ModelCIF file with pLDDT and N, C-alpha, C, O atoms, coordinates in Angstrom:
data_MODEL
#
_entry.id   MODEL 
#
_entity.id                         1 
_entity.type                       polymer 
_entity.pdbx_number_of_molecules   1 
#
_entity_poly.entity_id                      1 
_entity_poly.type                           'polypeptide(L)' 
_entity_poly.nstd_linkage                   no 
_entity_poly.nstd_monomer                   no 
_entity_poly.pdbx_seq_one_letter_code       
;(UNK)(UNK)(UNK)(UNK)(UNK)(UNK)(UNK)(UNK)(UNK)(UNK)(UNK)(UNK)(UNK)(UNK)(UNK)(UNK)
(UNK)(UNK)(UNK)(UNK)(UNK)(UNK)(UNK)(UNK)(UNK)(UNK)(UNK)(UNK)(UNK)(UNK)(UNK)(UNK)
(UNK)(UNK)(UNK)(UNK)(UNK)(UNK)(UNK)(UNK)(UNK)(UNK)(UNK)(UNK)(UNK)(UNK)(UNK)
;
_entity_poly.pdbx_seq_one_letter_code_can   XXXXXXXXXXXXXXXXXXXXXXXXXXXXXXXXXXXXXXXXXXXXXXX 
_entity_poly.pdbx_strand_id                 A 
#
loop_
_entity_poly_seq.entity_id 
_entity_poly_seq.num 
_entity_poly_seq.mon_id 
_entity_poly_seq.hetero 
1 1  UNK n 
1 2  UNK n 
1 3  UNK n 
1 4  UNK n 
1 5  UNK n 
1 6  UNK n 
1 7  UNK n 
1 8  UNK n 
1 9  UNK n 
1 10 UNK n 
1 11 UNK n 
1 12 UNK n 
1 13 UNK n 
1 14 UNK n 
1 15 UNK n 
1 16 UNK n 
1 17 UNK n 
1 18 UNK n 
1 19 UNK n 
1 20 UNK n 
1 21 UNK n 
1 22 UNK n 
1 23 UNK n 
1 24 UNK n 
1 25 UNK n 
1 26 UNK n 
1 27 UNK n 
1 28 UNK n 
1 29 UNK n 
1 30 UNK n 
1 31 UNK n 
1 32 UNK n 
1 33 UNK n 
1 34 UNK n 
1 35 UNK n 
1 36 UNK n 
1 37 UNK n 
1 38 UNK n 
1 39 UNK n 
1 40 UNK n 
1 41 UNK n 
1 42 UNK n 
1 43 UNK n 
1 44 UNK n 
1 45 UNK n 
1 46 UNK n 
1 47 UNK n 
#
_struct_asym.id          A 
_struct_asym.entity_id   1 
#
loop_
_ma_qa_metric.id 
_ma_qa_metric.mode 
_ma_qa_metric.name 
_ma_qa_metric.software_group_id 
_ma_qa_metric.type 
1 global pLDDT . pLDDT 
2 local  pLDDT . pLDDT 
#
_ma_qa_metric_global.metric_id      1 
_ma_qa_metric_global.metric_value   80.11 
_ma_qa_metric_global.model_id       1 
_ma_qa_metric_global.ordinal_id     1 
#
loop_
_ma_qa_metric_local.label_asym_id 
_ma_qa_metric_local.label_comp_id 
_ma_qa_metric_local.label_seq_id 
_ma_qa_metric_local.metric_id 
_ma_qa_metric_local.metric_value 
_ma_qa_metric_local.model_id 
_ma_qa_metric_local.ordinal_id 
A UNK 1  2 53.00 1 1  
A UNK 2  2 58.00 1 2  
A UNK 3  2 62.00 1 3  
A UNK 4  2 63.00 1 4  
A UNK 5  2 63.00 1 5  
A UNK 6  2 65.00 1 6  
A UNK 7  2 66.00 1 7  
A UNK 8  2 68.00 1 8  
A UNK 9  2 70.00 1 9  
A UNK 10 2 74.00 1 10 
A UNK 11 2 73.00 1 11 
A UNK 12 2 73.00 1 12 
A UNK 13 2 73.00 1 13 
A UNK 14 2 72.00 1 14 
A UNK 15 2 73.00 1 15 
A UNK 16 2 76.00 1 16 
A UNK 17 2 81.00 1 17 
A UNK 18 2 83.00 1 18 
A UNK 19 2 85.00 1 19 
A UNK 20 2 89.00 1 20 
A UNK 21 2 88.00 1 21 
A UNK 22 2 87.00 1 22 
A UNK 23 2 89.00 1 23 
A UNK 24 2 91.00 1 24 
A UNK 25 2 88.00 1 25 
A UNK 26 2 86.00 1 26 
A UNK 27 2 90.00 1 27 
A UNK 28 2 90.00 1 28 
A UNK 29 2 86.00 1 29 
A UNK 30 2 86.00 1 30 
A UNK 31 2 90.00 1 31 
A UNK 32 2 88.00 1 32 
A UNK 33 2 92.00 1 33 
A UNK 34 2 91.00 1 34 
A UNK 35 2 94.00 1 35 
A UNK 36 2 91.00 1 36 
A UNK 37 2 92.00 1 37 
A UNK 38 2 89.00 1 38 
A UNK 39 2 88.00 1 39 
A UNK 40 2 83.00 1 40 
A UNK 41 2 80.00 1 41 
A UNK 42 2 84.00 1 42 
A UNK 43 2 82.00 1 43 
A UNK 44 2 79.00 1 44 
A UNK 45 2 81.00 1 45 
A UNK 46 2 79.00 1 46 
A UNK 47 2 81.00 1 47 
#
loop_
_atom_site.group_PDB 
_atom_site.id 
_atom_site.type_symbol 
_atom_site.label_atom_id 
_atom_site.label_alt_id 
_atom_site.label_comp_id 
_atom_site.label_asym_id 
_atom_site.label_entity_id 
_atom_site.label_seq_id 
_atom_site.pdbx_PDB_ins_code 
_atom_site.Cartn_x 
_atom_site.Cartn_y 
_atom_site.Cartn_z 
_atom_site.occupancy 
_atom_site.B_iso_or_equiv 
_atom_site.pdbx_formal_charge 
_atom_site.auth_seq_id 
_atom_site.auth_comp_id 
_atom_site.auth_asym_id 
_atom_site.auth_atom_id 
_atom_site.pdbx_PDB_model_num 
ATOM 1   N N  . UNK A 1 1  ? -25.136 17.467 -23.483 1.00 53.00 ? 1  UNK A N  1 
ATOM 2   C CA . UNK A 1 1  ? -26.019 16.650 -22.803 1.00 53.00 ? 1  UNK A CA 1 
ATOM 3   C C  . UNK A 1 1  ? -25.730 16.912 -21.309 1.00 53.00 ? 1  UNK A C  1 
ATOM 4   O O  . UNK A 1 1  ? -24.691 17.372 -20.835 1.00 53.00 ? 1  UNK A O  1 
ATOM 5   N N  . UNK A 1 2  ? -26.927 16.505 -20.615 1.00 58.00 ? 2  UNK A N  1 
ATOM 6   C CA . UNK A 1 2  ? -26.813 16.553 -19.116 1.00 58.00 ? 2  UNK A CA 1 
ATOM 7   C C  . UNK A 1 2  ? -25.738 15.609 -18.571 1.00 58.00 ? 2  UNK A C  1 
ATOM 8   O O  . UNK A 1 2  ? -25.558 14.541 -19.156 1.00 58.00 ? 2  UNK A O  1 
ATOM 9   N N  . UNK A 1 3  ? -25.037 15.914 -17.534 1.00 62.00 ? 3  UNK A N  1 
ATOM 10  C CA . UNK A 1 3  ? -24.372 14.982 -16.994 1.00 62.00 ? 3  UNK A CA 1 
ATOM 11  C C  . UNK A 1 3  ? -24.862 14.563 -15.505 1.00 62.00 ? 3  UNK A C  1 
ATOM 12  O O  . UNK A 1 3  ? -25.432 15.345 -14.744 1.00 62.00 ? 3  UNK A O  1 
ATOM 13  N N  . UNK A 1 4  ? -24.576 13.307 -15.225 1.00 63.00 ? 4  UNK A N  1 
ATOM 14  C CA . UNK A 1 4  ? -24.914 12.783 -13.856 1.00 63.00 ? 4  UNK A CA 1 
ATOM 15  C C  . UNK A 1 4  ? -24.091 11.946 -13.339 1.00 63.00 ? 4  UNK A C  1 
ATOM 16  O O  . UNK A 1 4  ? -23.044 11.782 -13.966 1.00 63.00 ? 4  UNK A O  1 
ATOM 17  N N  . UNK A 1 5  ? -24.265 11.257 -12.212 1.00 63.00 ? 5  UNK A N  1 
ATOM 18  C CA . UNK A 1 5  ? -23.485 10.404 -11.691 1.00 63.00 ? 5  UNK A CA 1 
ATOM 19  C C  . UNK A 1 5  ? -23.077 9.084  -12.644 1.00 63.00 ? 5  UNK A C  1 
ATOM 20  O O  . UNK A 1 5  ? -21.921 8.664  -12.581 1.00 63.00 ? 5  UNK A O  1 
ATOM 21  N N  . UNK A 1 6  ? -23.875 8.559  -13.365 1.00 65.00 ? 6  UNK A N  1 
ATOM 22  C CA . UNK A 1 6  ? -23.721 7.284  -14.294 1.00 65.00 ? 6  UNK A CA 1 
ATOM 23  C C  . UNK A 1 6  ? -23.582 7.870  -15.716 1.00 65.00 ? 6  UNK A C  1 
ATOM 24  O O  . UNK A 1 6  ? -23.443 7.029  -16.604 1.00 65.00 ? 6  UNK A O  1 
ATOM 25  N N  . UNK A 1 7  ? -23.597 9.302  -16.123 1.00 66.00 ? 7  UNK A N  1 
ATOM 26  C CA . UNK A 1 7  ? -23.366 9.479  -17.409 1.00 66.00 ? 7  UNK A CA 1 
ATOM 27  C C  . UNK A 1 7  ? -22.524 10.963 -17.407 1.00 66.00 ? 7  UNK A C  1 
ATOM 28  O O  . UNK A 1 7  ? -22.968 11.957 -17.983 1.00 66.00 ? 7  UNK A O  1 
ATOM 29  N N  . UNK A 1 8  ? -21.259 10.945 -16.676 1.00 68.00 ? 8  UNK A N  1 
ATOM 30  C CA . UNK A 1 8  ? -20.548 12.047 -16.636 1.00 68.00 ? 8  UNK A CA 1 
ATOM 31  C C  . UNK A 1 8  ? -19.832 12.486 -18.008 1.00 68.00 ? 8  UNK A C  1 
ATOM 32  O O  . UNK A 1 8  ? -19.612 13.642 -18.370 1.00 68.00 ? 8  UNK A O  1 
ATOM 33  N N  . UNK A 1 9  ? -19.507 11.242 -18.716 1.00 70.00 ? 9  UNK A N  1 
ATOM 34  C CA . UNK A 1 9  ? -18.761 11.430 -20.143 1.00 70.00 ? 9  UNK A CA 1 
ATOM 35  C C  . UNK A 1 9  ? -19.421 10.661 -21.150 1.00 70.00 ? 9  UNK A C  1 
ATOM 36  O O  . UNK A 1 9  ? -19.825 9.541  -20.838 1.00 70.00 ? 9  UNK A O  1 
ATOM 37  N N  . UNK A 1 10 ? -19.567 11.031 -22.148 1.00 74.00 ? 10 UNK A N  1 
ATOM 38  C CA . UNK A 1 10 ? -20.425 10.056 -23.407 1.00 74.00 ? 10 UNK A CA 1 
ATOM 39  C C  . UNK A 1 10 ? -19.111 9.171  -23.875 1.00 74.00 ? 10 UNK A C  1 
ATOM 40  O O  . UNK A 1 10 ? -18.127 9.597  -24.480 1.00 74.00 ? 10 UNK A O  1 
ATOM 41  N N  . UNK A 1 11 ? -19.395 7.673  -23.380 1.00 73.00 ? 11 UNK A N  1 
ATOM 42  C CA . UNK A 1 11 ? -18.597 6.727  -23.745 1.00 73.00 ? 11 UNK A CA 1 
ATOM 43  C C  . UNK A 1 11 ? -19.459 5.734  -24.021 1.00 73.00 ? 11 UNK A C  1 
ATOM 44  O O  . UNK A 1 11 ? -20.600 5.658  -23.565 1.00 73.00 ? 11 UNK A O  1 
ATOM 45  N N  . UNK A 1 12 ? -18.731 4.646  -25.069 1.00 73.00 ? 12 UNK A N  1 
ATOM 46  C CA . UNK A 1 12 ? -19.428 3.577  -25.182 1.00 73.00 ? 12 UNK A CA 1 
ATOM 47  C C  . UNK A 1 12 ? -19.437 2.684  -23.816 1.00 73.00 ? 12 UNK A C  1 
ATOM 48  O O  . UNK A 1 12 ? -18.729 2.919  -22.837 1.00 73.00 ? 12 UNK A O  1 
ATOM 49  N N  . UNK A 1 13 ? -20.393 1.591  -23.938 1.00 73.00 ? 13 UNK A N  1 
ATOM 50  C CA . UNK A 1 13 ? -20.389 0.653  -22.834 1.00 73.00 ? 13 UNK A CA 1 
ATOM 51  C C  . UNK A 1 13 ? -19.102 -0.155 -22.676 1.00 73.00 ? 13 UNK A C  1 
ATOM 52  O O  . UNK A 1 13 ? -18.576 -0.441 -21.600 1.00 73.00 ? 13 UNK A O  1 
ATOM 53  N N  . UNK A 1 14 ? -18.603 -0.531 -24.074 1.00 72.00 ? 14 UNK A N  1 
ATOM 54  C CA . UNK A 1 14 ? -17.463 -1.315 -24.043 1.00 72.00 ? 14 UNK A CA 1 
ATOM 55  C C  . UNK A 1 14 ? -16.430 -0.468 -24.633 1.00 72.00 ? 14 UNK A C  1 
ATOM 56  O O  . UNK A 1 14 ? -16.390 -0.266 -25.847 1.00 72.00 ? 14 UNK A O  1 
ATOM 57  N N  . UNK A 1 15 ? -15.534 0.070  -23.751 1.00 73.00 ? 15 UNK A N  1 
ATOM 58  C CA . UNK A 1 15 ? -14.625 1.342  -24.536 1.00 73.00 ? 15 UNK A CA 1 
ATOM 59  C C  . UNK A 1 15 ? -13.289 0.534  -24.430 1.00 73.00 ? 15 UNK A C  1 
ATOM 60  O O  . UNK A 1 15 ? -12.538 0.632  -25.401 1.00 73.00 ? 15 UNK A O  1 
ATOM 61  N N  . UNK A 1 16 ? -12.893 -0.246 -23.390 1.00 76.00 ? 16 UNK A N  1 
ATOM 62  C CA . UNK A 1 16 ? -11.600 -0.703 -23.609 1.00 76.00 ? 16 UNK A CA 1 
ATOM 63  C C  . UNK A 1 16 ? -10.508 -0.254 -22.829 1.00 76.00 ? 16 UNK A C  1 
ATOM 64  O O  . UNK A 1 16 ? -9.441  -0.867 -22.835 1.00 76.00 ? 16 UNK A O  1 
ATOM 65  N N  . UNK A 1 17 ? -10.719 0.923  -22.054 1.00 81.00 ? 17 UNK A N  1 
ATOM 66  C CA . UNK A 1 17 ? -9.943  1.614  -21.288 1.00 81.00 ? 17 UNK A CA 1 
ATOM 67  C C  . UNK A 1 17 ? -9.734  1.263  -19.950 1.00 81.00 ? 17 UNK A C  1 
ATOM 68  O O  . UNK A 1 17 ? -10.679 0.669  -19.432 1.00 81.00 ? 17 UNK A O  1 
ATOM 69  N N  . UNK A 1 18 ? -8.588  1.502  -19.130 1.00 83.00 ? 18 UNK A N  1 
ATOM 70  C CA . UNK A 1 18 ? -8.562  1.119  -17.799 1.00 83.00 ? 18 UNK A CA 1 
ATOM 71  C C  . UNK A 1 18 ? -9.171  2.356  -16.882 1.00 83.00 ? 18 UNK A C  1 
ATOM 72  O O  . UNK A 1 18 ? -9.423  3.465  -17.354 1.00 83.00 ? 18 UNK A O  1 
ATOM 73  N N  . UNK A 1 19 ? -9.333  2.052  -15.732 1.00 85.00 ? 19 UNK A N  1 
ATOM 74  C CA . UNK A 1 19 ? -9.774  3.377  -14.872 1.00 85.00 ? 19 UNK A CA 1 
ATOM 75  C C  . UNK A 1 19 ? -8.709  4.544  -14.776 1.00 85.00 ? 19 UNK A C  1 
ATOM 76  O O  . UNK A 1 19 ? -9.036  5.724  -14.652 1.00 85.00 ? 19 UNK A O  1 
ATOM 77  N N  . UNK A 1 20 ? -7.412  4.101  -14.844 1.00 89.00 ? 20 UNK A N  1 
ATOM 78  C CA . UNK A 1 20 ? -6.406  5.035  -14.796 1.00 89.00 ? 20 UNK A CA 1 
ATOM 79  C C  . UNK A 1 20 ? -6.508  6.019  -16.333 1.00 89.00 ? 20 UNK A C  1 
ATOM 80  O O  . UNK A 1 20 ? -6.592  7.247  -16.298 1.00 89.00 ? 20 UNK A O  1 
ATOM 81  N N  . UNK A 1 21 ? -6.485  5.326  -17.450 1.00 88.00 ? 21 UNK A N  1 
ATOM 82  C CA . UNK A 1 21 ? -6.830  5.675  -18.672 1.00 88.00 ? 21 UNK A CA 1 
ATOM 83  C C  . UNK A 1 21 ? -7.932  6.609  -18.627 1.00 88.00 ? 21 UNK A C  1 
ATOM 84  O O  . UNK A 1 21 ? -7.767  7.725  -19.121 1.00 88.00 ? 21 UNK A O  1 
ATOM 85  N N  . UNK A 1 22 ? -9.014  6.301  -18.108 1.00 87.00 ? 22 UNK A N  1 
ATOM 86  C CA . UNK A 1 22 ? -10.198 7.115  -18.096 1.00 87.00 ? 22 UNK A CA 1 
ATOM 87  C C  . UNK A 1 22 ? -10.068 8.330  -17.242 1.00 87.00 ? 22 UNK A C  1 
ATOM 88  O O  . UNK A 1 22 ? -10.606 9.406  -17.503 1.00 87.00 ? 22 UNK A O  1 
ATOM 89  N N  . UNK A 1 23 ? -9.271  8.073  -16.141 1.00 89.00 ? 23 UNK A N  1 
ATOM 90  C CA . UNK A 1 23 ? -8.875  9.309  -15.268 1.00 89.00 ? 23 UNK A CA 1 
ATOM 91  C C  . UNK A 1 23 ? -8.173  10.520 -15.975 1.00 89.00 ? 23 UNK A C  1 
ATOM 92  O O  . UNK A 1 23 ? -8.452  11.716 -15.903 1.00 89.00 ? 23 UNK A O  1 
ATOM 93  N N  . UNK A 1 24 ? -7.002  9.762  -16.809 1.00 91.00 ? 24 UNK A N  1 
ATOM 94  C CA . UNK A 1 24 ? -6.293  10.605 -17.632 1.00 91.00 ? 24 UNK A CA 1 
ATOM 95  C C  . UNK A 1 24 ? -7.255  11.397 -18.664 1.00 91.00 ? 24 UNK A C  1 
ATOM 96  O O  . UNK A 1 24 ? -7.027  12.604 -18.751 1.00 91.00 ? 24 UNK A O  1 
ATOM 97  N N  . UNK A 1 25 ? -8.121  10.963 -19.321 1.00 88.00 ? 25 UNK A N  1 
ATOM 98  C CA . UNK A 1 25 ? -8.868  11.291 -20.431 1.00 88.00 ? 25 UNK A CA 1 
ATOM 99  C C  . UNK A 1 25 ? -9.814  12.371 -19.642 1.00 88.00 ? 25 UNK A C  1 
ATOM 100 O O  . UNK A 1 25 ? -9.861  13.526 -20.065 1.00 88.00 ? 25 UNK A O  1 
ATOM 101 N N  . UNK A 1 26 ? -10.494 12.018 -18.603 1.00 86.00 ? 26 UNK A N  1 
ATOM 102 C CA . UNK A 1 26 ? -11.396 13.095 -18.029 1.00 86.00 ? 26 UNK A CA 1 
ATOM 103 C C  . UNK A 1 26 ? -10.649 14.281 -17.532 1.00 86.00 ? 26 UNK A C  1 
ATOM 104 O O  . UNK A 1 26 ? -11.141 15.389 -17.748 1.00 86.00 ? 26 UNK A O  1 
ATOM 105 N N  . UNK A 1 27 ? -9.571  14.192 -16.920 1.00 90.00 ? 27 UNK A N  1 
ATOM 106 C CA . UNK A 1 27 ? -8.592  15.148 -16.538 1.00 90.00 ? 27 UNK A CA 1 
ATOM 107 C C  . UNK A 1 27 ? -8.316  16.077 -17.583 1.00 90.00 ? 27 UNK A C  1 
ATOM 108 O O  . UNK A 1 27 ? -8.594  17.275 -17.522 1.00 90.00 ? 27 UNK A O  1 
ATOM 109 N N  . UNK A 1 28 ? -7.670  15.409 -18.706 1.00 90.00 ? 28 UNK A N  1 
ATOM 110 C CA . UNK A 1 28 ? -7.353  16.230 -19.819 1.00 90.00 ? 28 UNK A CA 1 
ATOM 111 C C  . UNK A 1 28 ? -8.527  16.957 -20.730 1.00 90.00 ? 28 UNK A C  1 
ATOM 112 O O  . UNK A 1 28 ? -8.455  18.087 -21.212 1.00 90.00 ? 28 UNK A O  1 
ATOM 113 N N  . UNK A 1 29 ? -9.553  16.085 -20.837 1.00 86.00 ? 29 UNK A N  1 
ATOM 114 C CA . UNK A 1 29 ? -10.741 17.002 -21.620 1.00 86.00 ? 29 UNK A CA 1 
ATOM 115 C C  . UNK A 1 29 ? -11.392 17.850 -21.153 1.00 86.00 ? 29 UNK A C  1 
ATOM 116 O O  . UNK A 1 29 ? -11.958 18.709 -21.828 1.00 86.00 ? 29 UNK A O  1 
ATOM 117 N N  . UNK A 1 30 ? -11.449 17.748 -19.555 1.00 86.00 ? 30 UNK A N  1 
ATOM 118 C CA . UNK A 1 30 ? -12.346 18.589 -18.809 1.00 86.00 ? 30 UNK A CA 1 
ATOM 119 C C  . UNK A 1 30 ? -11.309 19.798 -18.351 1.00 86.00 ? 30 UNK A C  1 
ATOM 120 O O  . UNK A 1 30 ? -11.790 20.794 -17.809 1.00 86.00 ? 30 UNK A O  1 
ATOM 121 N N  . UNK A 1 31 ? -10.115 19.718 -18.538 1.00 90.00 ? 31 UNK A N  1 
ATOM 122 C CA . UNK A 1 31 ? -9.100  20.988 -18.090 1.00 90.00 ? 31 UNK A CA 1 
ATOM 123 C C  . UNK A 1 31 ? -8.819  20.675 -16.499 1.00 90.00 ? 31 UNK A C  1 
ATOM 124 O O  . UNK A 1 31 ? -8.275  21.571 -15.853 1.00 90.00 ? 31 UNK A O  1 
ATOM 125 N N  . UNK A 1 32 ? -9.114  19.627 -15.935 1.00 88.00 ? 32 UNK A N  1 
ATOM 126 C CA . UNK A 1 32 ? -8.906  19.528 -14.554 1.00 88.00 ? 32 UNK A CA 1 
ATOM 127 C C  . UNK A 1 32 ? -7.596  19.521 -14.088 1.00 88.00 ? 32 UNK A C  1 
ATOM 128 O O  . UNK A 1 32 ? -7.020  18.509 -14.488 1.00 88.00 ? 32 UNK A O  1 
ATOM 129 N N  . UNK A 1 33 ? -6.919  20.211 -13.432 1.00 92.00 ? 33 UNK A N  1 
ATOM 130 C CA . UNK A 1 33 ? -5.751  20.412 -12.781 1.00 92.00 ? 33 UNK A CA 1 
ATOM 131 C C  . UNK A 1 33 ? -5.442  19.571 -11.517 1.00 92.00 ? 33 UNK A C  1 
ATOM 132 O O  . UNK A 1 33 ? -5.773  19.975 -10.403 1.00 92.00 ? 33 UNK A O  1 
ATOM 133 N N  . UNK A 1 34 ? -4.867  18.514 -11.691 1.00 91.00 ? 34 UNK A N  1 
ATOM 134 C CA . UNK A 1 34 ? -4.852  17.430 -10.603 1.00 91.00 ? 34 UNK A CA 1 
ATOM 135 C C  . UNK A 1 34 ? -3.536  16.711 -10.876 1.00 91.00 ? 34 UNK A C  1 
ATOM 136 O O  . UNK A 1 34 ? -3.048  16.511 -11.989 1.00 91.00 ? 34 UNK A O  1 
ATOM 137 N N  . UNK A 1 35 ? -2.977  16.310 -9.557  1.00 94.00 ? 35 UNK A N  1 
ATOM 138 C CA . UNK A 1 35 ? -1.724  15.704 -9.718  1.00 94.00 ? 35 UNK A CA 1 
ATOM 139 C C  . UNK A 1 35 ? -2.031  14.022 -9.668  1.00 94.00 ? 35 UNK A C  1 
ATOM 140 O O  . UNK A 1 35 ? -2.270  13.495 -8.581  1.00 94.00 ? 35 UNK A O  1 
ATOM 141 N N  . UNK A 1 36 ? -2.006  13.271 -10.853 1.00 91.00 ? 36 UNK A N  1 
ATOM 142 C CA . UNK A 1 36 ? -2.552  11.976 -10.964 1.00 91.00 ? 36 UNK A CA 1 
ATOM 143 C C  . UNK A 1 36 ? -1.475  11.030 -11.084 1.00 91.00 ? 36 UNK A C  1 
ATOM 144 O O  . UNK A 1 36 ? -0.547  11.185 -11.877 1.00 91.00 ? 36 UNK A O  1 
ATOM 145 N N  . UNK A 1 37 ? -1.578  10.153 -10.385 1.00 92.00 ? 37 UNK A N  1 
ATOM 146 C CA . UNK A 1 37 ? -0.463  8.832  -10.534 1.00 92.00 ? 37 UNK A CA 1 
ATOM 147 C C  . UNK A 1 37 ? -1.324  7.557  -10.972 1.00 92.00 ? 37 UNK A C  1 
ATOM 148 O O  . UNK A 1 37 ? -2.172  7.042  -10.244 1.00 92.00 ? 37 UNK A O  1 
ATOM 149 N N  . UNK A 1 38 ? -1.039  7.174  -12.087 1.00 89.00 ? 38 UNK A N  1 
ATOM 150 C CA . UNK A 1 38 ? -1.462  6.019  -12.768 1.00 89.00 ? 38 UNK A CA 1 
ATOM 151 C C  . UNK A 1 38 ? -0.445  4.769  -12.652 1.00 89.00 ? 38 UNK A C  1 
ATOM 152 O O  . UNK A 1 38 ? 0.589   4.794  -13.320 1.00 89.00 ? 38 UNK A O  1 
ATOM 153 N N  . UNK A 1 39 ? -0.714  3.758  -11.870 1.00 88.00 ? 39 UNK A N  1 
ATOM 154 C CA . UNK A 1 39 ? 0.201   2.924  -11.798 1.00 88.00 ? 39 UNK A CA 1 
ATOM 155 C C  . UNK A 1 39 ? -0.213  1.617  -12.811 1.00 88.00 ? 39 UNK A C  1 
ATOM 156 O O  . UNK A 1 39 ? -1.265  0.987  -12.706 1.00 88.00 ? 39 UNK A O  1 
ATOM 157 N N  . UNK A 1 40 ? 0.762   1.378  -13.730 1.00 83.00 ? 40 UNK A N  1 
ATOM 158 C CA . UNK A 1 40 ? 0.545   0.359  -14.646 1.00 83.00 ? 40 UNK A CA 1 
ATOM 159 C C  . UNK A 1 40 ? 0.297   -1.182 -14.289 1.00 83.00 ? 40 UNK A C  1 
ATOM 160 O O  . UNK A 1 40 ? 0.958   -1.631 -13.352 1.00 83.00 ? 40 UNK A O  1 
ATOM 161 N N  . UNK A 1 41 ? -0.454  -1.894 -14.846 1.00 80.00 ? 41 UNK A N  1 
ATOM 162 C CA . UNK A 1 41 ? -0.783  -3.351 -14.454 1.00 80.00 ? 41 UNK A CA 1 
ATOM 163 C C  . UNK A 1 41 ? 0.296   -4.222 -14.969 1.00 80.00 ? 41 UNK A C  1 
ATOM 164 O O  . UNK A 1 41 ? 0.661   -4.225 -16.145 1.00 80.00 ? 41 UNK A O  1 
ATOM 165 N N  . UNK A 1 42 ? 0.846   -5.047 -13.917 1.00 84.00 ? 42 UNK A N  1 
ATOM 166 C CA . UNK A 1 42 ? 1.737   -6.104 -14.543 1.00 84.00 ? 42 UNK A CA 1 
ATOM 167 C C  . UNK A 1 42 ? 1.004   -7.088 -15.383 1.00 84.00 ? 42 UNK A C  1 
ATOM 168 O O  . UNK A 1 42 ? -0.147  -7.415 -15.091 1.00 84.00 ? 42 UNK A O  1 
ATOM 169 N N  . UNK A 1 43 ? 1.684   -7.614 -16.511 1.00 82.00 ? 43 UNK A N  1 
ATOM 170 C CA . UNK A 1 43 ? 1.042   -8.711 -17.455 1.00 82.00 ? 43 UNK A CA 1 
ATOM 171 C C  . UNK A 1 43 ? -0.289  -8.521 -17.932 1.00 82.00 ? 43 UNK A C  1 
ATOM 172 O O  . UNK A 1 43 ? -1.029  -9.454 -18.240 1.00 82.00 ? 43 UNK A O  1 
ATOM 173 N N  . UNK A 1 44 ? -0.651  -7.087 -18.006 1.00 79.00 ? 44 UNK A N  1 
ATOM 174 C CA . UNK A 1 44 ? -1.883  -6.831 -18.835 1.00 79.00 ? 44 UNK A CA 1 
ATOM 175 C C  . UNK A 1 44 ? -1.556  -6.581 -20.255 1.00 79.00 ? 44 UNK A C  1 
ATOM 176 O O  . UNK A 1 44 ? -0.481  -6.039 -20.510 1.00 79.00 ? 44 UNK A O  1 
ATOM 177 N N  . UNK A 1 45 ? -2.385  -6.922 -21.235 1.00 81.00 ? 45 UNK A N  1 
ATOM 178 C CA . UNK A 1 45 ? -2.022  -6.955 -22.597 1.00 81.00 ? 45 UNK A CA 1 
ATOM 179 C C  . UNK A 1 45 ? -3.360  -6.445 -23.115 1.00 81.00 ? 45 UNK A C  1 
ATOM 180 O O  . UNK A 1 45 ? -4.373  -7.065 -22.791 1.00 81.00 ? 45 UNK A O  1 
ATOM 181 N N  . UNK A 1 46 ? -3.462  -5.262 -23.970 1.00 79.00 ? 46 UNK A N  1 
ATOM 182 C CA . UNK A 1 46 ? -4.312  -4.581 -24.448 1.00 79.00 ? 46 UNK A CA 1 
ATOM 183 C C  . UNK A 1 46 ? -5.351  -5.394 -25.081 1.00 79.00 ? 46 UNK A C  1 
ATOM 184 O O  . UNK A 1 46 ? -6.507  -4.973 -25.108 1.00 79.00 ? 46 UNK A O  1 
ATOM 185 N N  . UNK A 1 47 ? -5.023  -6.572 -25.615 1.00 81.00 ? 47 UNK A N  1 
ATOM 186 C CA . UNK A 1 47 ? -5.978  -7.463 -26.355 1.00 81.00 ? 47 UNK A CA 1 
ATOM 187 C C  . UNK A 1 47 ? -6.637  -8.695 -25.565 1.00 81.00 ? 47 UNK A C  1 
ATOM 188 O O  . UNK A 1 47 ? -7.424  -9.447 -26.139 1.00 81.00 ? 47 UNK A O  1 
#
């Protein structure tokens, strides 16, 4: 599929991932070599 600013990766509208999780996904899947530091949120629960 063609990639653009709003459609870089095929994801459902409500995916449930944080921006940090998405960054890790994109970097890993695209093979982007980057020094990525994701800070965990306090008091956040997946549910």
